[in-house]
PDB file of all heavy atoms in Angstrom:
ATOM      1  N   LEU A   1     132.175 194.913 214.659  1.00  0.00           N
ATOM      2  CA  LEU A   1     132.638 196.352 214.273  1.00  0.00           C
ATOM      3  C   LEU A   1     134.275 196.297 214.365  1.00  0.00           C
ATOM      4  O   LEU A   1     134.776 195.517 215.033  1.00  0.00           O
ATOM      5  CB  LEU A   1     132.144 197.407 215.244  1.00  0.00           C
ATOM      6  CG  LEU A   1     130.686 197.897 215.157  1.00  0.00           C
ATOM      7  CD1 LEU A   1     130.405 198.759 216.262  1.00  0.00           C
ATOM      8  CD2 LEU A   1     130.371 198.438 213.741  1.00  0.00           C
ATOM      9  N   ARG A   2     134.730 197.107 213.421  1.00  0.00           N
ATOM     10  CA  ARG A   2     136.326 197.231 213.502  1.00  0.00           C
ATOM     11  C   ARG A   2     136.627 198.675 213.710  1.00  0.00           C
ATOM     12  O   ARG A   2     136.219 199.522 213.001  1.00  0.00           O
ATOM     13  CB  ARG A   2     136.778 196.762 212.164  1.00  0.00           C
ATOM     14  CG  ARG A   2     138.380 196.633 212.197  1.00  0.00           C
ATOM     15  CD  ARG A   2     138.965 196.316 210.876  1.00  0.00           C
ATOM     16  NE  ARG A   2     140.267 195.779 210.943  1.00  0.00           N
ATOM     17  CZ  ARG A   2     141.010 196.105 209.914  1.00  0.00           C
ATOM     18  NH1 ARG A   2     140.688 196.769 208.765  1.00  0.00           N
ATOM     19  NH2 ARG A   2     142.406 195.649 210.013  1.00  0.00           N
ATOM     20  N   LEU A   3     137.380 198.876 214.797  1.00  0.00           N
ATOM     21  CA  LEU A   3     137.851 200.314 215.011  1.00  0.00           C
ATOM     22  C   LEU A   3     139.222 200.374 214.423  1.00  0.00           C
ATOM     23  O   LEU A   3     140.128 199.433 214.608  1.00  0.00           O
ATOM     24  CB  LEU A   3     137.948 200.532 216.518  1.00  0.00           C
ATOM     25  CG  LEU A   3     136.487 200.522 217.211  1.00  0.00           C
ATOM     26  CD1 LEU A   3     136.719 200.789 218.697  1.00  0.00           C
ATOM     27  CD2 LEU A   3     135.557 201.316 216.514  1.00  0.00           C
ATOM     28  N   SER A   4     139.602 201.557 213.882  1.00  0.00           N
ATOM     29  CA  SER A   4     140.975 201.924 213.541  1.00  0.00           C
ATOM     30  C   SER A   4     141.568 203.194 214.179  1.00  0.00           C
ATOM     31  O   SER A   4     140.668 204.039 214.509  1.00  0.00           O
ATOM     32  CB  SER A   4     141.000 202.061 212.002  1.00  0.00           C
ATOM     33  OG  SER A   4     140.565 200.892 211.318  1.00  0.00           O
ATOM     34  N   CYS A   5     142.736 203.238 214.430  1.00  0.00           N
ATOM     35  CA  CYS A   5     143.318 204.463 214.935  1.00  0.00           C
ATOM     36  C   CYS A   5     144.833 204.686 214.294  1.00  0.00           C
ATOM     37  O   CYS A   5     145.543 203.800 214.529  1.00  0.00           O
ATOM     38  CB  CYS A   5     143.449 204.349 216.496  1.00  0.00           C
ATOM     39  SG  CYS A   5     144.362 205.636 217.320  1.00  0.00           S
ATOM     40  N   ALA A   6     144.823 205.803 213.654  1.00  0.00           N
ATOM     41  CA  ALA A   6     146.289 206.165 213.055  1.00  0.00           C
ATOM     42  C   ALA A   6     147.002 207.274 213.900  1.00  0.00           C
ATOM     43  O   ALA A   6     146.406 208.131 214.245  1.00  0.00           O
ATOM     44  CB  ALA A   6     145.950 206.545 211.695  1.00  0.00           C
ATOM     45  N   ALA A   7     148.208 206.943 214.245  1.00  0.00           N
ATOM     46  CA  ALA A   7     148.972 207.946 215.051  1.00  0.00           C
ATOM     47  C   ALA A   7     149.845 208.686 214.185  1.00  0.00           C
ATOM     48  O   ALA A   7     150.384 208.123 213.226  1.00  0.00           O
ATOM     49  CB  ALA A   7     149.769 207.158 216.028  1.00  0.00           C
ATOM     50  N   SER A   8     150.039 209.976 214.550  1.00  0.00           N
ATOM     51  CA  SER A   8     151.025 210.800 213.692  1.00  0.00           C
ATOM     52  C   SER A   8     151.637 211.754 214.682  1.00  0.00           C
ATOM     53  O   SER A   8     151.302 211.843 215.775  1.00  0.00           O
ATOM     54  CB  SER A   8     150.350 211.662 212.720  1.00  0.00           C
ATOM     55  OG  SER A   8     149.311 212.459 213.217  1.00  0.00           O
ATOM     56  N   GLY A   9     152.675 212.336 214.267  1.00  0.00           N
ATOM     57  CA  GLY A   9     153.539 213.309 215.081  1.00  0.00           C
ATOM     58  C   GLY A   9     154.766 212.622 215.532  1.00  0.00           C
ATOM     59  O   GLY A   9     155.353 211.963 214.719  1.00  0.00           O
ATOM     60  N   ASN A  10     155.131 212.744 216.677  1.00  0.00           N
ATOM     61  CA  ASN A  10     156.335 212.347 217.310  1.00  0.00           C
ATOM     62  C   ASN A  10     156.229 210.769 217.684  1.00  0.00           C
ATOM     63  O   ASN A  10     155.987 210.521 218.818  1.00  0.00           O
ATOM     64  CB  ASN A  10     156.943 213.143 218.325  1.00  0.00           C
ATOM     65  CG  ASN A  10     158.364 212.769 218.800  1.00  0.00           C
ATOM     66  OD1 ASN A  10     158.916 211.751 218.308  1.00  0.00           O
ATOM     67  ND2 ASN A  10     159.042 213.750 219.318  1.00  0.00           N
ATOM     68  N   ILE A  11     156.342 209.879 216.701  1.00  0.00           N
ATOM     69  CA  ILE A  11     156.047 208.510 217.057  1.00  0.00           C
ATOM     70  C   ILE A  11     157.073 207.924 217.888  1.00  0.00           C
ATOM     71  O   ILE A  11     156.928 206.731 218.336  1.00  0.00           O
ATOM     72  CB  ILE A  11     155.939 207.760 215.726  1.00  0.00           C
ATOM     73  CG1 ILE A  11     157.263 207.722 214.999  1.00  0.00           C
ATOM     74  CG2 ILE A  11     154.849 208.217 214.745  1.00  0.00           C
ATOM     75  CD1 ILE A  11     157.310 206.863 213.779  1.00  0.00           C
ATOM     76  N   PHE A  12     158.038 208.531 218.155  1.00  0.00           N
ATOM     77  CA  PHE A  12     159.221 208.043 219.082  1.00  0.00           C
ATOM     78  C   PHE A  12     158.698 208.125 220.515  1.00  0.00           C
ATOM     79  O   PHE A  12     159.500 207.715 221.431  1.00  0.00           O
ATOM     80  CB  PHE A  12     160.557 208.610 218.869  1.00  0.00           C
ATOM     81  CG  PHE A  12     161.004 208.383 217.364  1.00  0.00           C
ATOM     82  CD1 PHE A  12     160.919 209.379 216.456  1.00  0.00           C
ATOM     83  CD2 PHE A  12     161.525 207.145 216.998  1.00  0.00           C
ATOM     84  CE1 PHE A  12     161.340 209.200 215.226  1.00  0.00           C
ATOM     85  CE2 PHE A  12     161.931 206.878 215.745  1.00  0.00           C
ATOM     86  CZ  PHE A  12     161.800 208.009 214.832  1.00  0.00           C
ATOM     87  N   LEU A  13     157.586 208.822 220.806  1.00  0.00           N
ATOM     88  CA  LEU A  13     157.241 209.065 222.249  1.00  0.00           C
ATOM     89  C   LEU A  13     156.488 207.932 222.727  1.00  0.00           C
ATOM     90  O   LEU A  13     155.909 207.920 223.798  1.00  0.00           O
ATOM     91  CB  LEU A  13     156.411 210.349 222.280  1.00  0.00           C
ATOM     92  CG  LEU A  13     157.254 211.632 222.139  1.00  0.00           C
ATOM     93  CD1 LEU A  13     156.309 212.823 222.139  1.00  0.00           C
ATOM     94  CD2 LEU A  13     158.315 211.711 223.055  1.00  0.00           C
ATOM     95  N   PHE A  14     156.156 206.911 221.896  1.00  0.00           N
ATOM     96  CA  PHE A  14     155.283 205.771 222.402  1.00  0.00           C
ATOM     97  C   PHE A  14     155.737 204.436 221.814  1.00  0.00           C
ATOM     98  O   PHE A  14     156.270 204.293 220.688  1.00  0.00           O
ATOM     99  CB  PHE A  14     153.746 205.934 222.121  1.00  0.00           C
ATOM    100  CG  PHE A  14     153.466 206.040 220.516  1.00  0.00           C
ATOM    101  CD1 PHE A  14     153.083 204.820 219.983  1.00  0.00           C
ATOM    102  CD2 PHE A  14     153.568 207.109 219.854  1.00  0.00           C
ATOM    103  CE1 PHE A  14     152.671 204.777 218.638  1.00  0.00           C
ATOM    104  CE2 PHE A  14     153.145 207.123 218.582  1.00  0.00           C
ATOM    105  CZ  PHE A  14     152.718 205.986 217.925  1.00  0.00           C
ATOM    106  N   ASN A  15     155.537 203.353 222.541  1.00  0.00           N
ATOM    107  CA  ASN A  15     155.770 202.000 222.138  1.00  0.00           C
ATOM    108  C   ASN A  15     154.487 201.292 222.109  1.00  0.00           C
ATOM    109  O   ASN A  15     154.209 200.562 221.081  1.00  0.00           O
ATOM    110  CB  ASN A  15     156.652 201.347 223.061  1.00  0.00           C
ATOM    111  CG  ASN A  15     156.847 199.812 222.938  1.00  0.00           C
ATOM    112  OD1 ASN A  15     156.714 199.379 221.719  1.00  0.00           O
ATOM    113  ND2 ASN A  15     157.173 199.031 223.938  1.00  0.00           N
ATOM    114  N   ALA A  16     153.671 201.460 223.174  1.00  0.00           N
ATOM    115  CA  ALA A  16     152.282 200.715 223.341  1.00  0.00           C
ATOM    116  C   ALA A  16     151.259 201.528 222.699  1.00  0.00           C
ATOM    117  O   ALA A  16     151.091 202.804 222.946  1.00  0.00           O
ATOM    118  CB  ALA A  16     152.090 200.438 224.776  1.00  0.00           C
ATOM    119  N   MET A  17     150.351 200.874 222.075  1.00  0.00           N
ATOM    120  CA  MET A  17     149.044 201.396 221.735  1.00  0.00           C
ATOM    121  C   MET A  17     147.970 200.618 222.344  1.00  0.00           C
ATOM    122  O   MET A  17     147.963 199.369 222.547  1.00  0.00           O
ATOM    123  CB  MET A  17     148.998 201.625 220.280  1.00  0.00           C
ATOM    124  CG  MET A  17     149.921 202.471 219.587  1.00  0.00           C
ATOM    125  SD  MET A  17     149.819 202.704 217.826  1.00  0.00           S
ATOM    126  CE  MET A  17     148.400 203.747 217.801  1.00  0.00           C
ATOM    127  N   GLY A  18     146.651 201.239 222.405  1.00  0.00           N
ATOM    128  CA  GLY A  18     145.659 200.398 222.811  1.00  0.00           C
ATOM    129  C   GLY A  18     144.233 201.070 222.825  1.00  0.00           C
ATOM    130  O   GLY A  18     144.211 202.204 222.150  1.00  0.00           O
ATOM    131  N   TRP A  19     143.258 200.416 223.266  1.00  0.00           N
ATOM    132  CA  TRP A  19     141.818 200.846 223.440  1.00  0.00           C
ATOM    133  C   TRP A  19     141.449 200.819 224.842  1.00  0.00           C
ATOM    134  O   TRP A  19     141.515 199.785 225.440  1.00  0.00           O
ATOM    135  CB  TRP A  19     141.009 200.086 222.336  1.00  0.00           C
ATOM    136  CG  TRP A  19     141.448 200.126 220.947  1.00  0.00           C
ATOM    137  CD1 TRP A  19     142.248 199.216 220.313  1.00  0.00           C
ATOM    138  CD2 TRP A  19     140.953 201.141 219.984  1.00  0.00           C
ATOM    139  NE1 TRP A  19     142.374 199.678 218.960  1.00  0.00           N
ATOM    140  CE2 TRP A  19     141.461 200.874 218.777  1.00  0.00           C
ATOM    141  CE3 TRP A  19     140.089 202.254 220.199  1.00  0.00           C
ATOM    142  CZ2 TRP A  19     141.446 201.615 217.726  1.00  0.00           C
ATOM    143  CZ3 TRP A  19     139.857 202.946 219.083  1.00  0.00           C
ATOM    144  CH2 TRP A  19     140.383 202.703 217.808  1.00  0.00           C
ATOM    145  N   TYR A  20     140.775 201.935 225.245  1.00  0.00           N
ATOM    146  CA  TYR A  20     140.109 201.969 226.436  1.00  0.00           C
ATOM    147  C   TYR A  20     138.626 202.292 226.158  1.00  0.00           C
ATOM    148  O   TYR A  20     138.237 202.789 225.053  1.00  0.00           O
ATOM    149  CB  TYR A  20     140.679 203.088 227.379  1.00  0.00           C
ATOM    150  CG  TYR A  20     141.972 202.732 227.945  1.00  0.00           C
ATOM    151  CD1 TYR A  20     143.020 202.680 227.308  1.00  0.00           C
ATOM    152  CD2 TYR A  20     141.985 202.540 229.351  1.00  0.00           C
ATOM    153  CE1 TYR A  20     144.301 202.293 227.956  1.00  0.00           C
ATOM    154  CE2 TYR A  20     143.193 202.198 229.951  1.00  0.00           C
ATOM    155  CZ  TYR A  20     144.366 202.091 229.238  1.00  0.00           C
ATOM    156  OH  TYR A  20     145.620 201.988 229.784  1.00  0.00           O
ATOM    157  N   ARG A  21     137.596 202.022 227.118  1.00  0.00           N
ATOM    158  CA  ARG A  21     136.344 202.308 226.793  1.00  0.00           C
ATOM    159  C   ARG A  21     135.621 202.889 228.168  1.00  0.00           C
ATOM    160  O   ARG A  21     136.115 202.572 229.347  1.00  0.00           O
ATOM    161  CB  ARG A  21     135.559 201.090 226.377  1.00  0.00           C
ATOM    162  CG  ARG A  21     135.302 200.025 227.258  1.00  0.00           C
ATOM    163  CD  ARG A  21     134.631 198.862 226.707  1.00  0.00           C
ATOM    164  NE  ARG A  21     134.450 197.621 227.473  1.00  0.00           N
ATOM    165  CZ  ARG A  21     133.908 196.433 227.105  1.00  0.00           C
ATOM    166  NH1 ARG A  21     133.480 196.360 225.850  1.00  0.00           N
ATOM    167  NH2 ARG A  21     133.707 195.520 227.884  1.00  0.00           N
ATOM    168  N   GLN A  22     134.693 203.771 227.996  1.00  0.00           N
ATOM    169  CA  GLN A  22     133.946 204.271 229.149  1.00  0.00           C
ATOM    170  C   GLN A  22     132.540 204.259 228.794  1.00  0.00           C
ATOM    171  O   GLN A  22     132.035 204.992 227.898  1.00  0.00           O
ATOM    172  CB  GLN A  22     134.565 205.736 229.416  1.00  0.00           C
ATOM    173  CG  GLN A  22     133.930 206.277 230.737  1.00  0.00           C
ATOM    174  CD  GLN A  22     134.629 207.707 231.172  1.00  0.00           C
ATOM    175  OE1 GLN A  22     135.334 208.174 230.244  1.00  0.00           O
ATOM    176  NE2 GLN A  22     134.525 207.907 232.383  1.00  0.00           N
ATOM    177  N   ALA A  23     131.783 203.658 229.650  1.00  0.00           N
ATOM    178  CA  ALA A  23     130.260 203.550 229.470  1.00  0.00           C
ATOM    179  C   ALA A  23     129.787 204.650 230.491  1.00  0.00           C
ATOM    180  O   ALA A  23     130.502 205.009 231.433  1.00  0.00           O
ATOM    181  CB  ALA A  23     129.761 202.077 229.930  1.00  0.00           C
ATOM    182  N   PRO A  24     128.587 205.127 230.271  1.00  0.00           N
ATOM    183  CA  PRO A  24     127.915 206.097 231.107  1.00  0.00           C
ATOM    184  C   PRO A  24     127.969 205.620 232.603  1.00  0.00           C
ATOM    185  O   PRO A  24     127.592 204.520 232.950  1.00  0.00           O
ATOM    186  CB  PRO A  24     126.440 206.221 230.498  1.00  0.00           C
ATOM    187  CG  PRO A  24     126.624 205.799 229.093  1.00  0.00           C
ATOM    188  CD  PRO A  24     127.593 204.821 229.142  1.00  0.00           C
ATOM    189  N   GLY A  25     128.364 206.576 233.451  1.00  0.00           N
ATOM    190  CA  GLY A  25     128.390 206.259 234.896  1.00  0.00           C
ATOM    191  C   GLY A  25     129.468 205.352 235.366  1.00  0.00           C
ATOM    192  O   GLY A  25     129.506 204.936 236.559  1.00  0.00           O
ATOM    193  N   LYS A  26     130.430 204.967 234.527  1.00  0.00           N
ATOM    194  CA  LYS A  26     131.457 204.085 234.813  1.00  0.00           C
ATOM    195  C   LYS A  26     132.896 204.697 234.587  1.00  0.00           C
ATOM    196  O   LYS A  26     133.021 205.538 233.817  1.00  0.00           O
ATOM    197  CB  LYS A  26     131.421 202.801 234.037  1.00  0.00           C
ATOM    198  CG  LYS A  26     130.071 201.995 234.470  1.00  0.00           C
ATOM    199  CD  LYS A  26     130.148 200.595 233.781  1.00  0.00           C
ATOM    200  CE  LYS A  26     128.855 199.767 234.148  1.00  0.00           C
ATOM    201  NZ  LYS A  26     128.935 198.469 233.558  1.00  0.00           N
ATOM    202  N   GLN A  27     133.947 204.083 235.218  1.00  0.00           N
ATOM    203  CA  GLN A  27     135.242 204.521 234.915  1.00  0.00           C
ATOM    204  C   GLN A  27     135.800 204.050 233.567  1.00  0.00           C
ATOM    205  O   GLN A  27     135.289 202.942 233.034  1.00  0.00           O
ATOM    206  CB  GLN A  27     136.097 204.155 236.043  1.00  0.00           C
ATOM    207  CG  GLN A  27     136.023 204.899 237.389  1.00  0.00           C
ATOM    208  CD  GLN A  27     137.089 204.539 238.391  1.00  0.00           C
ATOM    209  OE1 GLN A  27     137.579 203.368 238.286  1.00  0.00           O
ATOM    210  NE2 GLN A  27     137.384 205.487 239.229  1.00  0.00           N
ATOM    211  N   ARG A  28     136.591 204.829 232.959  1.00  0.00           N
ATOM    212  CA  ARG A  28     137.332 204.359 231.857  1.00  0.00           C
ATOM    213  C   ARG A  28     138.198 203.143 232.065  1.00  0.00           C
ATOM    214  O   ARG A  28     139.032 203.145 233.111  1.00  0.00           O
ATOM    215  CB  ARG A  28     138.125 205.441 231.218  1.00  0.00           C
ATOM    216  CG  ARG A  28     138.760 205.180 229.834  1.00  0.00           C
ATOM    217  CD  ARG A  28     139.586 206.341 229.434  1.00  0.00           C
ATOM    218  NE  ARG A  28     138.679 207.539 229.252  1.00  0.00           N
ATOM    219  CZ  ARG A  28     139.119 208.635 228.527  1.00  0.00           C
ATOM    220  NH1 ARG A  28     140.404 208.684 228.051  1.00  0.00           N
ATOM    221  NH2 ARG A  28     138.275 209.725 228.518  1.00  0.00           N
ATOM    222  N   GLY A  29     138.200 202.079 231.274  1.00  0.00           N
ATOM    223  CA  GLY A  29     139.065 201.024 231.567  1.00  0.00           C
ATOM    224  C   GLY A  29     139.678 200.349 230.335  1.00  0.00           C
ATOM    225  O   GLY A  29     139.088 200.628 229.266  1.00  0.00           O
ATOM    226  N   LEU A  30     140.800 199.728 230.454  1.00  0.00           N
ATOM    227  CA  LEU A  30     141.406 199.069 229.322  1.00  0.00           C
ATOM    228  C   LEU A  30     140.573 198.012 228.656  1.00  0.00           C
ATOM    229  O   LEU A  30     140.035 197.150 229.390  1.00  0.00           O
ATOM    230  CB  LEU A  30     142.696 198.386 229.795  1.00  0.00           C
ATOM    231  CG  LEU A  30     143.536 197.777 228.759  1.00  0.00           C
ATOM    232  CD1 LEU A  30     144.206 198.706 227.826  1.00  0.00           C
ATOM    233  CD2 LEU A  30     144.713 196.885 229.432  1.00  0.00           C
ATOM    234  N   VAL A  31     140.584 198.007 227.371  1.00  0.00           N
ATOM    235  CA  VAL A  31     139.987 197.045 226.577  1.00  0.00           C
ATOM    236  C   VAL A  31     141.065 196.049 226.023  1.00  0.00           C
ATOM    237  O   VAL A  31     140.988 194.785 226.319  1.00  0.00           O
ATOM    238  CB  VAL A  31     139.190 197.504 225.282  1.00  0.00           C
ATOM    239  CG1 VAL A  31     138.704 196.435 224.532  1.00  0.00           C
ATOM    240  CG2 VAL A  31     138.111 198.445 225.900  1.00  0.00           C
ATOM    241  N   ALA A  32     142.020 196.559 225.370  1.00  0.00           N
ATOM    242  CA  ALA A  32     143.206 195.836 224.981  1.00  0.00           C
ATOM    243  C   ALA A  32     144.355 196.604 224.578  1.00  0.00           C
ATOM    244  O   ALA A  32     144.192 197.891 224.264  1.00  0.00           O
ATOM    245  CB  ALA A  32     142.776 195.060 223.675  1.00  0.00           C
ATOM    246  N   SER A  33     145.523 196.078 224.671  1.00  0.00           N
ATOM    247  CA  SER A  33     146.818 196.961 224.240  1.00  0.00           C
ATOM    248  C   SER A  33     147.610 196.101 223.570  1.00  0.00           C
ATOM    249  O   SER A  33     147.611 194.818 223.566  1.00  0.00           O
ATOM    250  CB  SER A  33     147.428 197.471 225.595  1.00  0.00           C
ATOM    251  OG  SER A  33     147.982 196.399 226.332  1.00  0.00           O
ATOM    252  N   ILE A  34     148.624 196.643 222.761  1.00  0.00           N
ATOM    253  CA  ILE A  34     149.604 195.884 222.076  1.00  0.00           C
ATOM    254  C   ILE A  34     150.893 196.743 222.021  1.00  0.00           C
ATOM    255  O   ILE A  34     150.878 197.935 221.758  1.00  0.00           O
ATOM    256  CB  ILE A  34     149.028 195.687 220.613  1.00  0.00           C
ATOM    257  CG1 ILE A  34     149.998 194.764 219.830  1.00  0.00           C
ATOM    258  CG2 ILE A  34     148.799 196.888 219.802  1.00  0.00           C
ATOM    259  CD1 ILE A  34     149.397 194.192 218.565  1.00  0.00           C
ATOM    260  N   THR A  35     152.074 196.012 222.052  1.00  0.00           N
ATOM    261  CA  THR A  35     153.240 196.756 222.096  1.00  0.00           C
ATOM    262  C   THR A  35     153.776 196.731 220.598  1.00  0.00           C
ATOM    263  O   THR A  35     153.289 196.045 219.684  1.00  0.00           O
ATOM    264  CB  THR A  35     154.337 196.173 222.977  1.00  0.00           C
ATOM    265  OG1 THR A  35     154.682 194.853 222.462  1.00  0.00           O
ATOM    266  CG2 THR A  35     153.837 196.133 224.390  1.00  0.00           C
ATOM    267  N   GLN A  36     154.926 197.429 220.289  1.00  0.00           N
ATOM    268  CA  GLN A  36     155.480 197.299 219.004  1.00  0.00           C
ATOM    269  C   GLN A  36     156.007 195.876 218.706  1.00  0.00           C
ATOM    270  O   GLN A  36     155.884 195.463 217.520  1.00  0.00           O
ATOM    271  CB  GLN A  36     156.701 198.295 218.931  1.00  0.00           C
ATOM    272  CG  GLN A  36     156.385 199.805 218.579  1.00  0.00           C
ATOM    273  CD  GLN A  36     157.624 200.609 218.321  1.00  0.00           C
ATOM    274  OE1 GLN A  36     158.664 200.402 218.592  1.00  0.00           O
ATOM    275  NE2 GLN A  36     157.348 201.642 217.480  1.00  0.00           N
ATOM    276  N   GLY A  37     156.396 195.174 219.658  1.00  0.00           N
ATOM    277  CA  GLY A  37     156.820 193.723 219.412  1.00  0.00           C
ATOM    278  C   GLY A  37     155.677 192.835 219.319  1.00  0.00           C
ATOM    279  O   GLY A  37     155.965 191.620 219.002  1.00  0.00           O
ATOM    280  N   GLY A  38     154.426 193.352 219.537  1.00  0.00           N
ATOM    281  CA  GLY A  38     153.312 192.407 219.281  1.00  0.00           C
ATOM    282  C   GLY A  38     152.625 191.783 220.557  1.00  0.00           C
ATOM    283  O   GLY A  38     151.700 191.009 220.560  1.00  0.00           O
ATOM    284  N   THR A  39     153.224 192.186 221.798  1.00  0.00           N
ATOM    285  CA  THR A  39     152.654 191.604 223.026  1.00  0.00           C
ATOM    286  C   THR A  39     151.228 192.213 223.282  1.00  0.00           C
ATOM    287  O   THR A  39     151.164 193.478 223.190  1.00  0.00           O
ATOM    288  CB  THR A  39     153.661 191.875 224.227  1.00  0.00           C
ATOM    289  OG1 THR A  39     154.823 191.380 223.958  1.00  0.00           O
ATOM    290  CG2 THR A  39     152.933 191.318 225.437  1.00  0.00           C
ATOM    291  N   THR A  40     150.336 191.413 223.447  1.00  0.00           N
ATOM    292  CA  THR A  40     149.004 191.926 223.677  1.00  0.00           C
ATOM    293  C   THR A  40     148.441 191.754 225.059  1.00  0.00           C
ATOM    294  O   THR A  40     148.953 190.743 225.892  1.00  0.00           O
ATOM    295  CB  THR A  40     148.021 191.229 222.672  1.00  0.00           C
ATOM    296  OG1 THR A  40     148.010 189.826 222.922  1.00  0.00           O
ATOM    297  CG2 THR A  40     148.321 191.711 221.340  1.00  0.00           C
ATOM    298  N   GLU A  41     147.507 192.369 225.484  1.00  0.00           N
ATOM    299  CA  GLU A  41     146.779 192.356 226.704  1.00  0.00           C
ATOM    300  C   GLU A  41     145.301 192.690 226.517  1.00  0.00           C
ATOM    301  O   GLU A  41     145.158 193.529 225.849  1.00  0.00           O
ATOM    302  CB  GLU A  41     147.374 193.285 227.854  1.00  0.00           C
ATOM    303  CG  GLU A  41     146.612 193.252 229.104  1.00  0.00           C
ATOM    304  CD  GLU A  41     147.334 194.277 230.147  1.00  0.00           C
ATOM    305  OE1 GLU A  41     148.222 194.940 229.819  1.00  0.00           O
ATOM    306  OE2 GLU A  41     146.807 194.254 231.299  1.00  0.00           O
ATOM    307  N   TYR A  42     144.358 191.812 227.259  1.00  0.00           N
ATOM    308  CA  TYR A  42     143.003 192.062 227.033  1.00  0.00           C
ATOM    309  C   TYR A  42     142.240 192.119 228.284  1.00  0.00           C
ATOM    310  O   TYR A  42     142.730 191.357 229.265  1.00  0.00           O
ATOM    311  CB  TYR A  42     142.385 190.958 226.238  1.00  0.00           C
ATOM    312  CG  TYR A  42     142.838 190.824 224.728  1.00  0.00           C
ATOM    313  CD1 TYR A  42     143.987 190.068 224.311  1.00  0.00           C
ATOM    314  CD2 TYR A  42     142.074 191.494 223.792  1.00  0.00           C
ATOM    315  CE1 TYR A  42     144.273 189.960 222.979  1.00  0.00           C
ATOM    316  CE2 TYR A  42     142.461 191.481 222.500  1.00  0.00           C
ATOM    317  CZ  TYR A  42     143.572 190.705 222.101  1.00  0.00           C
ATOM    318  OH  TYR A  42     143.921 190.625 220.761  1.00  0.00           O
ATOM    319  N   ALA A  43     141.154 192.853 228.311  1.00  0.00           N
ATOM    320  CA  ALA A  43     140.322 192.814 229.584  1.00  0.00           C
ATOM    321  C   ALA A  43     139.626 191.458 229.448  1.00  0.00           C
ATOM    322  O   ALA A  43     139.249 190.935 228.345  1.00  0.00           O
ATOM    323  CB  ALA A  43     139.365 193.807 229.595  1.00  0.00           C
TER     324      ALA A  43
END
């Protein structure tokens, strides 16, 4: 599957974007993140 997310509004308020997930009965946790410069982080 491929997820997409488009940001609008005051785009100067953020540098990093990412995805979190939450399964039933579990805490929300980071899946992956990426900065404007392309630095990534993965669970």
